[in-house]
Every structure is written in structure tokens, then in C-alpha cells.
Amino acid sequence: MEKFKSSLLKNKTFPLLTAMLCAAAFAGGHMFVKYGYGLFNEIAQAEMVRNGLETGDFATPIGYCTGFLLARVMEGPLVGILDIGGSIMTGIGTGMVSLAKSVGLDILVDNFPLALLTGAVLGLIIGYVIIGVKSTMPENMAAGGTGIMMGAGNAAGRWLAPLIILSAISYSIPAGIGAIIGSYIFLKLEKPMVGGTILGAILLAMIFPK
């Protein structure tokens, strides 16, 4: 287990991790465009994309979200944290999805396998860019951006589990039950409840679709 953990912190592994994260984020954009849910982002960003789909004008989500992407990717190796919320969930899941739609590359978003592949390629690029930025830093300067990846970590996150449970119940009873069970399991494991809430809701909603 220790060898596995240490391998996750190596430079050569990092682009693979960002590829998987970005594949999921871009696929979440596909889900939102096709079905109206599944976007890994906040309501404000989702509404930007929804407005773009309705009007054909994606300037707002592209400008706002790709700006986050560039800032967070460049910032990551410097501050020791790659902000998944800003760089991947916002930049890839919202900004790059909007960019693809705006230039007529709808197939990259509308086709689920291609969405996964597109996200993975973008993730590889991001991973290697971050490694490149890190390699230019002086040896005596700490740079842990490729070793630690996390979201913004604001205090509001701890209150998301109850809200997700209510949202899951409003979607379907099985999803709500799954959310409750998942949050309880993660609570007992002393892990953030929001993760178990989401996983539980997704699992039972897949087994018992609406």
C-alpha cells in the first residue's frame, strides 16, 4: 500500500490522474448538455451553459471558465495545490465543453465515448503543463501542486450532504435512500459525508432508474 501511495505522487503518474479527472468532468458536461443534469459545477456555471445552449452564445462560459482554467493550472505548482474546482470542474467541465459547442465540434460533447476521450486528452495536456511549470521552479522552492490535488475546501462543503440528500429524494425515492445510506457509511468511516451521499444516490438511481 505504501508503494502504491508513493507511486501516486510521482511526476509520471500525475498526468494520468488529471486525464481521469478531466474525462469525468467533460463527460459531466456531456450529461448536462444532453439530459440537463450531471455537470460537476455550481448552479451559476450551469446556468451560463444553459443560456449558451438556448441562445447559441457561449461567450460568457468560455471567457469566465477558461480564465479559471488558465489561472488555476499556472497557480497549482506555485502554491502547492491544484484546485480541482477551478481548473477541472469549471475549466474543463464547463469552459472546454462550451468552447467545443461554440466552434461546431458538437460531436465531441454529444457523443459520450468521444466526450470521455476528449476530456482525457485535455487532462493529459494539463498534467504535462503543470509538470513543466513545476520543473522550471528553483530547487529550494517548495512546489507540491503535483502531489496534492483538492478543491477550494471552503467550509460550505461540509453542509452539502443534507442538501444533496434532499435533492436526491426529490429526484426519486431510491436515489434518496442511496444518498442516506451512503452518507451514513461515510460518516462511520470518518470520511466527508458528501462523497458517500453522491455515490449512494448514483448507485441506487442506476439500479432503480426513474
C-alpha atoms as a PDB file:
ATOM      1  CA  MET A   1       0.000   0.000   0.000  1.00  0.00           C
ATOM      2  CA  GLU A   2       2.843   2.406   0.813  1.00  0.00           C
ATOM      3  CA  LYS A   3       4.440   1.714  -2.573  1.00  0.00           C
ATOM      4  CA  PHE A   4       1.098   2.407  -4.278  1.00  0.00           C
ATOM      5  CA  LYS A   5       0.661   5.673  -2.389  1.00  0.00           C
ATOM      6  CA  SER A   6       4.180   6.814  -3.265  1.00  0.00           C
ATOM      7  CA  SER A   7       3.613   5.982  -6.945  1.00  0.00           C
ATOM      8  CA  LEU A   8       0.601   8.297  -6.997  1.00  0.00           C
ATOM      9  CA  LEU A   9       2.863  11.226  -6.069  1.00  0.00           C
ATOM     10  CA  LYS A  10       5.345  10.676  -8.888  1.00  0.00           C
ATOM     11  CA  ASN A  11       5.510  13.105 -11.801  1.00  0.00           C
ATOM     12  CA  LYS A  12       4.876  10.408 -14.403  1.00  0.00           C
ATOM     13  CA  THR A  13       1.627   9.392 -12.676  1.00  0.00           C
ATOM     14  CA  PHE A  14       0.244  12.896 -12.347  1.00  0.00           C
ATOM     15  CA  PRO A  15      -0.909  13.379 -15.999  1.00  0.00           C
ATOM     16  CA  LEU A  16      -2.784  10.072 -15.793  1.00  0.00           C
ATOM     17  CA  LEU A  17      -4.656  11.311 -12.732  1.00  0.00           C
ATOM     18  CA  THR A  18      -5.540  14.609 -14.384  1.00  0.00           C
ATOM     19  CA  ALA A  19      -6.624  12.690 -17.505  1.00  0.00           C
ATOM     20  CA  MET A  20      -9.113  10.633 -15.484  1.00  0.00           C
ATOM     21  CA  LEU A  21     -10.410  13.682 -13.646  1.00  0.00           C
ATOM     22  CA  CYS A  22     -10.871  15.683 -16.844  1.00  0.00           C
ATOM     23  CA  ALA A  23     -12.511  12.752 -18.631  1.00  0.00           C
ATOM     24  CA  ALA A  24     -15.123  12.623 -15.854  1.00  0.00           C
ATOM     25  CA  ALA A  25     -15.588  16.406 -15.874  1.00  0.00           C
ATOM     26  CA  PHE A  26     -16.031  16.618 -19.655  1.00  0.00           C
ATOM     27  CA  ALA A  27     -18.418  13.649 -19.551  1.00  0.00           C
ATOM     28  CA  GLY A  28     -20.381  15.549 -16.896  1.00  0.00           C
ATOM     29  CA  GLY A  29     -20.670  18.378 -19.407  1.00  0.00           C
ATOM     30  CA  HIS A  30     -21.996  15.861 -21.941  1.00  0.00           C
ATOM     31  CA  MET A  31     -24.639  14.725 -19.440  1.00  0.00           C
ATOM     32  CA  PHE A  32     -25.725  18.298 -18.796  1.00  0.00           C
ATOM     33  CA  VAL A  33     -25.967  19.181 -22.484  1.00  0.00           C
ATOM     34  CA  LYS A  34     -27.876  16.019 -23.394  1.00  0.00           C
ATOM     35  CA  TYR A  35     -30.041  15.471 -20.318  1.00  0.00           C
ATOM     36  CA  GLY A  36     -29.974  18.666 -18.259  1.00  0.00           C
ATOM     37  CA  TYR A  37     -28.100  17.298 -15.240  1.00  0.00           C
ATOM     38  CA  GLY A  38     -24.698  15.841 -14.321  1.00  0.00           C
ATOM     39  CA  LEU A  39     -22.500  18.956 -14.554  1.00  0.00           C
ATOM     40  CA  PHE A  40     -19.730  18.951 -11.933  1.00  0.00           C
ATOM     41  CA  ASN A  41     -20.079  22.607 -11.066  1.00  0.00           C
ATOM     42  CA  GLU A  42     -22.109  25.258  -9.313  1.00  0.00           C
ATOM     43  CA  ILE A  43     -25.536  26.491 -10.363  1.00  0.00           C
ATOM     44  CA  ALA A  44     -24.163  29.768 -11.733  1.00  0.00           C
ATOM     45  CA  GLN A  45     -21.839  28.000 -14.183  1.00  0.00           C
ATOM     46  CA  ALA A  46     -24.585  25.568 -15.155  1.00  0.00           C
ATOM     47  CA  GLU A  47     -26.877  28.475 -15.998  1.00  0.00           C
ATOM     48  CA  MET A  48     -24.142  30.010 -18.166  1.00  0.00           C
ATOM     49  CA  VAL A  49     -24.033  26.814 -20.217  1.00  0.00           C
ATOM     50  CA  ARG A  50     -27.829  26.527 -20.305  1.00  0.00           C
ATOM     51  CA  ASN A  51     -28.096  30.084 -21.598  1.00  0.00           C
ATOM     52  CA  GLY A  52     -25.496  29.311 -24.244  1.00  0.00           C
ATOM     53  CA  LEU A  53     -27.445  26.270 -25.388  1.00  0.00           C
ATOM     54  CA  GLU A  54     -30.605  28.356 -25.670  1.00  0.00           C
ATOM     55  CA  THR A  55     -29.096  31.404 -27.397  1.00  0.00           C
ATOM     56  CA  GLY A  56     -26.078  29.920 -29.159  1.00  0.00           C
ATOM     57  CA  ASP A  57     -23.835  32.485 -27.461  1.00  0.00           C
ATOM     58  CA  PHE A  58     -21.213  30.738 -25.309  1.00  0.00           C
ATOM     59  CA  ALA A  59     -19.007  33.803 -24.800  1.00  0.00           C
ATOM     60  CA  THR A  60     -19.764  34.094 -21.086  1.00  0.00           C
ATOM     61  CA  PRO A  61     -18.992  30.498 -20.010  1.00  0.00           C
ATOM     62  CA  ILE A  62     -15.956  30.345 -22.308  1.00  0.00           C
ATOM     63  CA  GLY A  63     -14.449  33.584 -21.010  1.00  0.00           C
ATOM     64  CA  TYR A  64     -15.239  33.008 -17.356  1.00  0.00           C
ATOM     65  CA  CYS A  65     -14.433  29.320 -17.132  1.00  0.00           C
ATOM     66  CA  THR A  66     -11.345  29.114 -19.326  1.00  0.00           C
ATOM     67  CA  GLY A  67      -9.946  32.060 -17.364  1.00  0.00           C
ATOM     68  CA  PHE A  68     -10.293  29.951 -14.233  1.00  0.00           C
ATOM     69  CA  LEU A  69      -8.620  27.045 -16.007  1.00  0.00           C
ATOM     70  CA  LEU A  70      -5.537  29.016 -17.027  1.00  0.00           C
ATOM     71  CA  ALA A  71      -5.193  30.743 -13.669  1.00  0.00           C
ATOM     72  CA  ARG A  72      -5.511  27.594 -11.597  1.00  0.00           C
ATOM     73  CA  VAL A  73      -3.214  25.481 -13.783  1.00  0.00           C
ATOM     74  CA  MET A  74      -0.457  28.088 -13.603  1.00  0.00           C
ATOM     75  CA  GLU A  75      -1.074  28.657  -9.915  1.00  0.00           C
ATOM     76  CA  GLY A  76      -1.062  24.994  -8.880  1.00  0.00           C
ATOM     77  CA  PRO A  77       2.678  24.258  -8.806  1.00  0.00           C
ATOM     78  CA  LEU A  78       3.367  27.622  -7.170  1.00  0.00           C
ATOM     79  CA  VAL A  79       1.037  27.316  -4.194  1.00  0.00           C
ATOM     80  CA  GLY A  80       1.210  23.548  -3.806  1.00  0.00           C
ATOM     81  CA  ILE A  81      -2.449  22.884  -4.614  1.00  0.00           C
ATOM     82  CA  LEU A  82      -4.190  22.118  -7.883  1.00  0.00           C
ATOM     83  CA  ASP A  83      -7.689  23.464  -7.384  1.00  0.00           C
ATOM     84  CA  ILE A  84      -9.868  20.796  -8.965  1.00  0.00           C
ATOM     85  CA  GLY A  85     -12.920  23.023  -8.693  1.00  0.00           C
ATOM     86  CA  GLY A  86     -11.407  25.872 -10.668  1.00  0.00           C
ATOM     87  CA  SER A  87      -9.153  24.102 -13.134  1.00  0.00           C
ATOM     88  CA  ILE A  88     -11.040  20.912 -13.933  1.00  0.00           C
ATOM     89  CA  MET A  89     -14.681  21.200 -12.884  1.00  0.00           C
ATOM     90  CA  THR A  90     -15.014  24.791 -14.098  1.00  0.00           C
ATOM     91  CA  GLY A  91     -12.349  24.991 -16.788  1.00  0.00           C
ATOM     92  CA  ILE A  92     -12.841  21.601 -18.426  1.00  0.00           C
ATOM     93  CA  GLY A  93     -16.366  20.579 -17.463  1.00  0.00           C
ATOM     94  CA  THR A  94     -17.850  23.957 -18.320  1.00  0.00           C
ATOM     95  CA  GLY A  95     -15.365  26.098 -20.263  1.00  0.00           C
ATOM     96  CA  MET A  96     -13.995  23.491 -22.693  1.00  0.00           C
ATOM     97  CA  VAL A  97     -17.435  21.974 -23.217  1.00  0.00           C
ATOM     98  CA  SER A  98     -18.783  25.418 -24.118  1.00  0.00           C
ATOM     99  CA  LEU A  99     -15.808  26.080 -26.394  1.00  0.00           C
ATOM    100  CA  ALA A 100     -16.381  22.827 -28.298  1.00  0.00           C
ATOM    101  CA  LYS A 101     -20.058  23.669 -28.768  1.00  0.00           C
ATOM    102  CA  SER A 102     -19.295  27.221 -29.887  1.00  0.00           C
ATOM    103  CA  VAL A 103     -16.879  26.186 -32.675  1.00  0.00           C
ATOM    104  CA  GLY A 104     -19.151  23.490 -34.061  1.00  0.00           C
ATOM    105  CA  LEU A 105     -17.413  20.463 -32.544  1.00  0.00           C
ATOM    106  CA  ASP A 106     -20.700  19.252 -31.122  1.00  0.00           C
ATOM    107  CA  ILE A 107     -19.784  15.595 -31.640  1.00  0.00           C
ATOM    108  CA  LEU A 108     -17.057  15.849 -29.006  1.00  0.00           C
ATOM    109  CA  VAL A 109     -19.708  16.797 -26.451  1.00  0.00           C
ATOM    110  CA  ASP A 110     -22.786  14.951 -27.714  1.00  0.00           C
ATOM    111  CA  ASN A 111     -21.078  11.558 -28.087  1.00  0.00           C
ATOM    112  CA  PHE A 112     -20.327  10.042 -24.664  1.00  0.00           C
ATOM    113  CA  PRO A 113     -17.236   7.951 -25.612  1.00  0.00           C
ATOM    114  CA  LEU A 114     -15.774  10.919 -27.500  1.00  0.00           C
ATOM    115  CA  ALA A 115     -16.533  13.175 -24.523  1.00  0.00           C
ATOM    116  CA  LEU A 116     -14.549  10.837 -22.266  1.00  0.00           C
ATOM    117  CA  LEU A 117     -11.689  10.715 -24.760  1.00  0.00           C
ATOM    118  CA  THR A 118     -11.661  14.486 -25.265  1.00  0.00           C
ATOM    119  CA  GLY A 119     -11.581  15.097 -21.533  1.00  0.00           C
ATOM    120  CA  ALA A 120      -8.778  12.575 -21.084  1.00  0.00           C
ATOM    121  CA  VAL A 121      -6.644  14.224 -23.779  1.00  0.00           C
ATOM    122  CA  LEU A 122      -7.201  17.656 -22.233  1.00  0.00           C
ATOM    123  CA  GLY A 123      -6.305  16.199 -18.840  1.00  0.00           C
ATOM    124  CA  LEU A 124      -3.043  14.789 -20.166  1.00  0.00           C
ATOM    125  CA  ILE A 125      -2.150  18.189 -21.586  1.00  0.00           C
ATOM    126  CA  ILE A 126      -2.940  19.908 -18.287  1.00  0.00           C
ATOM    127  CA  GLY A 127      -0.919  17.341 -16.357  1.00  0.00           C
ATOM    128  CA  TYR A 128       2.169  17.784 -18.516  1.00  0.00           C
ATOM    129  CA  VAL A 129       1.835  21.586 -18.461  1.00  0.00           C
ATOM    130  CA  ILE A 130       1.798  21.543 -14.658  1.00  0.00           C
ATOM    131  CA  ILE A 131       4.806  19.215 -14.572  1.00  0.00           C
ATOM    132  CA  GLY A 132       6.554  21.586 -16.972  1.00  0.00           C
ATOM    133  CA  VAL A 133       5.812  24.630 -14.829  1.00  0.00           C
ATOM    134  CA  LYS A 134       6.988  22.802 -11.733  1.00  0.00           C
ATOM    135  CA  SER A 135      10.281  21.825 -13.385  1.00  0.00           C
ATOM    136  CA  THR A 136      11.137  25.489 -14.032  1.00  0.00           C
ATOM    137  CA  MET A 137      10.987  26.402 -10.355  1.00  0.00           C
ATOM    138  CA  PRO A 138      14.179  26.812  -8.262  1.00  0.00           C
ATOM    139  CA  GLU A 139      15.262  23.701  -6.380  1.00  0.00           C
ATOM    140  CA  ASN A 140      14.940  25.327  -2.968  1.00  0.00           C
ATOM    141  CA  MET A 141      11.351  26.388  -3.568  1.00  0.00           C
ATOM    142  CA  ALA A 142       8.616  24.042  -2.389  1.00  0.00           C
ATOM    143  CA  ALA A 143       6.191  23.007  -5.122  1.00  0.00           C
ATOM    144  CA  GLY A 144       3.662  20.382  -4.190  1.00  0.00           C
ATOM    145  CA  GLY A 145       0.987  21.031  -6.792  1.00  0.00           C
ATOM    146  CA  THR A 146       1.644  17.648  -8.394  1.00  0.00           C
ATOM    147  CA  GLY A 147       1.499  15.884  -5.061  1.00  0.00           C
ATOM    148  CA  ILE A 148      -1.703  17.347  -3.630  1.00  0.00           C
ATOM    149  CA  MET A 149      -4.953  17.883  -5.510  1.00  0.00           C
ATOM    150  CA  MET A 150      -8.006  19.274  -3.817  1.00  0.00           C
ATOM    151  CA  GLY A 151     -10.932  21.605  -4.225  1.00  0.00           C
ATOM    152  CA  ALA A 152     -11.240  25.041  -2.708  1.00  0.00           C
ATOM    153  CA  GLY A 153     -12.081  23.399   0.593  1.00  0.00           C
ATOM    154  CA  ASN A 154     -14.411  26.115   1.857  1.00  0.00           C
ATOM    155  CA  ALA A 155     -16.461  25.466   4.961  1.00  0.00           C
ATOM    156  CA  ALA A 156     -19.702  25.335   2.993  1.00  0.00           C
ATOM    157  CA  GLY A 157     -18.706  21.920   1.653  1.00  0.00           C
ATOM    158  CA  ARG A 158     -19.453  20.193   4.944  1.00  0.00           C
ATOM    159  CA  TRP A 159     -23.113  21.217   4.695  1.00  0.00           C
ATOM    160  CA  LEU A 160     -23.635  19.860   1.194  1.00  0.00           C
ATOM    161  CA  ALA A 161     -24.574  16.310   2.231  1.00  0.00           C
ATOM    162  CA  PRO A 162     -28.038  17.198   3.654  1.00  0.00           C
ATOM    163  CA  LEU A 163     -28.763  19.356   0.610  1.00  0.00           C
ATOM    164  CA  ILE A 164     -27.753  16.551  -1.750  1.00  0.00           C
ATOM    165  CA  ILE A 165     -29.957  14.119   0.182  1.00  0.00           C
ATOM    166  CA  LEU A 166     -32.951  16.444  -0.268  1.00  0.00           C
ATOM    167  CA  SER A 167     -32.137  16.846  -3.959  1.00  0.00           C
ATOM    168  CA  ALA A 168     -31.799  13.068  -4.391  1.00  0.00           C
ATOM    169  CA  ILE A 169     -35.145  12.456  -2.668  1.00  0.00           C
ATOM    170  CA  SER A 170     -36.815  14.994  -4.941  1.00  0.00           C
ATOM    171  CA  TYR A 171     -35.395  13.096  -7.934  1.00  0.00           C
ATOM    172  CA  SER A 172     -36.527   9.632  -6.824  1.00  0.00           C
ATOM    173  CA  ILE A 173     -37.065   7.600  -3.647  1.00  0.00           C
ATOM    174  CA  PRO A 174     -34.294   5.047  -4.469  1.00  0.00           C
ATOM    175  CA  ALA A 175     -31.811   7.846  -5.074  1.00  0.00           C
ATOM    176  CA  GLY A 176     -32.768   9.419  -1.763  1.00  0.00           C
ATOM    177  CA  ILE A 177     -32.387   6.126   0.102  1.00  0.00           C
ATOM    178  CA  GLY A 178     -28.998   5.586  -1.537  1.00  0.00           C
ATOM    179  CA  ALA A 179     -27.885   9.059  -0.525  1.00  0.00           C
ATOM    180  CA  ILE A 180     -28.874   8.459   3.098  1.00  0.00           C
ATOM    181  CA  ILE A 181     -27.150   5.057   3.237  1.00  0.00           C
ATOM    182  CA  GLY A 182     -24.020   6.410   1.557  1.00  0.00           C
ATOM    183  CA  SER A 183     -23.748   9.380   3.883  1.00  0.00           C
ATOM    184  CA  TYR A 184     -24.166   7.117   6.924  1.00  0.00           C
ATOM    185  CA  ILE A 185     -21.439   4.733   5.739  1.00  0.00           C
ATOM    186  CA  PHE A 186     -19.008   7.599   5.110  1.00  0.00           C
ATOM    187  CA  LEU A 187     -19.877   9.097   8.499  1.00  0.00           C
ATOM    188  CA  LYS A 188     -18.963   5.825  10.202  1.00  0.00           C
ATOM    189  CA  LEU A 189     -15.730   5.666   8.182  1.00  0.00           C
ATOM    190  CA  GLU A 190     -14.970   9.231   9.327  1.00  0.00           C
ATOM    191  CA  LYS A 191     -14.865  10.437   5.725  1.00  0.00           C
ATOM    192  CA  PRO A 192     -16.594  13.519   4.243  1.00  0.00           C
ATOM    193  CA  MET A 193     -20.281  12.612   4.110  1.00  0.00           C
ATOM    194  CA  VAL A 194     -20.834  14.390   0.807  1.00  0.00           C
ATOM    195  CA  GLY A 195     -18.815  11.739  -1.058  1.00  0.00           C
ATOM    196  CA  GLY A 196     -20.910   8.871   0.267  1.00  0.00           C
ATOM    197  CA  THR A 197     -24.091  10.827  -0.338  1.00  0.00           C
ATOM    198  CA  ILE A 198     -23.294  11.305  -4.019  1.00  0.00           C
ATOM    199  CA  LEU A 199     -22.048   7.753  -4.580  1.00  0.00           C
ATOM    200  CA  GLY A 200     -25.032   6.224  -2.801  1.00  0.00           C
ATOM    201  CA  ALA A 201     -27.521   8.300  -4.759  1.00  0.00           C
ATOM    202  CA  ILE A 202     -25.862   7.474  -8.086  1.00  0.00           C
ATOM    203  CA  LEU A 203     -25.642   3.739  -7.317  1.00  0.00           C
ATOM    204  CA  LEU A 204     -29.285   3.205  -6.358  1.00  0.00           C
ATOM    205  CA  ALA A 205     -30.522   5.551  -9.098  1.00  0.00           C
ATOM    206  CA  MET A 206     -28.666   3.362 -11.612  1.00  0.00           C
ATOM    207  CA  ILE A 207     -30.123   0.141 -10.162  1.00  0.00           C
ATOM    208  CA  PHE A 208     -33.637   1.597  -9.869  1.00  0.00           C
ATOM    209  CA  PRO A 209     -33.915   4.182 -12.671  1.00  0.00           C
ATOM    210  CA  LYS A 210     -36.648   6.756 -12.567  1.00  0.00           C
END
